[in-house]
C-alpha cells in the first residue's frame, strides 16, 4: 500500500494494521468484464460501472480517514487535489462520521 506521498505504507501510522476491507462481488465482476470481455462496448460499460463503484469506495474511505483524525489537506493529498477541493468533494459524506 502507498501513503499519500506515494511511499510504501503498512497503515500502522493510522492504527490500520489490522483493518480488513473486502472487494465486493459486483466490483470483481465489473473488473473481470472490463478486462476480458471481447466486445469493447461491453467492456466499456463495465469500466464505467467500476469507476462508479470506486468513486463510492473513495467517499467511504475519506469518511473513515476523517473519523481517524485525518485533515482535509491529508485527504486531498491522497487523492491529488487541494484541501479545499477535498472538502468540496467529501464534506457532505464525512459529516455523518464522528471526527476524533
Protein backbone atom coordinates (compact mmCIF):
# COMPACT_ATOMS: atom_id res chain seq x y z
CA UNK A 1 0.00 0.00 0.00
CA UNK A 2 1.20 3.55 -0.70
CA UNK A 3 0.69 6.57 1.51
CA UNK A 4 -0.44 9.97 0.23
CA UNK A 5 3.11 10.74 -0.88
CA UNK A 6 3.39 7.56 -2.98
CA UNK A 7 5.67 5.89 -0.44
CA UNK A 8 5.16 2.38 0.99
CA UNK A 9 2.83 2.44 3.99
CA UNK A 10 1.71 -0.50 6.09
CA UNK A 11 -1.10 1.54 7.66
CA UNK A 12 0.36 1.37 11.16
CA UNK A 13 0.67 5.16 11.39
CA UNK A 14 -3.12 5.35 11.32
CA UNK A 15 -3.83 2.33 13.50
CA UNK A 16 -4.93 0.31 10.48
CA UNK A 17 -2.51 -2.59 10.64
CA UNK A 18 -5.40 -4.96 11.37
CA UNK A 19 -8.01 -3.28 9.17
CA UNK A 20 -9.59 -5.51 6.60
CA UNK A 21 -11.53 -4.44 3.54
CA UNK A 22 -13.07 -6.81 1.08
CA UNK A 23 -13.82 -6.36 -2.59
CA UNK A 24 -17.47 -6.81 -3.43
CA UNK A 25 -18.58 -9.44 -5.90
CA UNK A 26 -20.02 -6.69 -8.11
CA UNK A 27 -16.67 -4.86 -8.21
CA UNK A 28 -14.80 -8.07 -9.04
CA UNK A 29 -17.28 -8.94 -11.79
CA UNK A 30 -17.01 -5.44 -13.30
CA UNK A 31 -13.21 -5.67 -13.27
CA UNK A 32 -13.20 -9.11 -14.91
CA UNK A 33 -15.66 -7.97 -17.59
CA UNK A 34 -13.70 -4.78 -18.28
CA UNK A 35 -10.52 -6.80 -18.80
CA UNK A 36 -11.77 -9.92 -20.51
CA UNK A 37 -14.95 -9.31 -22.48
CA UNK A 38 -14.15 -9.44 -26.21
CA UNK A 39 -16.83 -6.84 -27.00
CA UNK A 40 -15.32 -3.40 -26.39
CA UNK A 41 -18.74 -1.87 -25.75
CA UNK A 42 -19.50 -4.40 -23.01
CA UNK A 43 -16.03 -3.78 -21.54
CA UNK A 44 -16.68 -0.03 -21.69
CA UNK A 45 -19.96 -0.36 -19.78
CA UNK A 46 -18.17 -2.49 -17.17
CA UNK A 47 -15.36 0.06 -16.91
CA UNK A 48 -17.88 2.83 -16.33
CA UNK A 49 -19.61 0.77 -13.61
CA UNK A 50 -16.26 0.05 -11.99
CA UNK A 51 -15.47 3.77 -11.92
CA UNK A 52 -18.74 4.49 -10.13
CA UNK A 53 -18.09 1.71 -7.62
CA UNK A 54 -14.60 3.05 -6.95
CA UNK A 55 -15.94 6.57 -6.53
CA UNK A 56 -18.33 5.30 -3.87
CA UNK A 57 -15.46 3.47 -2.17
CA UNK A 58 -13.38 6.66 -2.25
CA UNK A 59 -16.12 8.59 -0.44
CA UNK A 60 -16.34 5.86 2.20
CA UNK A 61 -12.58 5.86 2.72
CA UNK A 62 -12.48 9.66 3.01
CA UNK A 63 -15.13 9.46 5.74
CA UNK A 64 -13.08 6.76 7.50
CA UNK A 65 -9.99 8.94 7.26
CA UNK A 66 -11.84 11.88 8.79
CA UNK A 67 -13.11 9.66 11.60
CA UNK A 68 -9.49 8.62 12.22
CA UNK A 69 -8.45 12.27 12.52
CA UNK A 70 -7.08 12.99 9.04
CA UNK A 71 -7.12 16.59 7.86
CA UNK A 72 -8.66 17.81 4.62
CA UNK A 73 -5.11 18.53 3.46
CA UNK A 74 -4.07 14.90 4.03
CA UNK A 75 -7.18 13.60 2.30
CA UNK A 76 -6.66 15.99 -0.60
CA UNK A 77 -3.03 14.96 -0.93
CA UNK A 78 -4.09 11.31 -1.01
CA UNK A 79 -6.39 11.88 -3.98
CA UNK A 80 -4.27 14.50 -5.73
CA UNK A 81 -6.31 17.63 -5.01
CA UNK A 82 -6.12 20.64 -2.69
CA UNK A 83 -7.62 20.55 0.78
CA UNK A 84 -10.39 22.86 -0.45
CA UNK A 85 -11.22 20.50 -3.34
CA UNK A 86 -11.22 17.51 -0.98
CA UNK A 87 -13.59 19.32 1.37
CA UNK A 88 -15.92 20.20 -1.50
CA UNK A 89 -15.94 16.63 -2.77
CA UNK A 90 -16.25 14.74 0.52
CA UNK A 91 -17.59 17.01 3.30
CA UNK A 92 -21.25 16.03 2.99
CA UNK A 93 -20.47 12.35 3.42
CA UNK A 94 -17.99 12.84 6.26
CA UNK A 95 -20.44 14.74 8.46
CA UNK A 96 -22.14 11.50 9.45
CA UNK A 97 -18.82 10.06 10.66
CA UNK A 98 -17.68 11.37 14.03
CA UNK A 99 -14.24 13.01 13.99
CA UNK A 100 -11.76 12.16 16.72
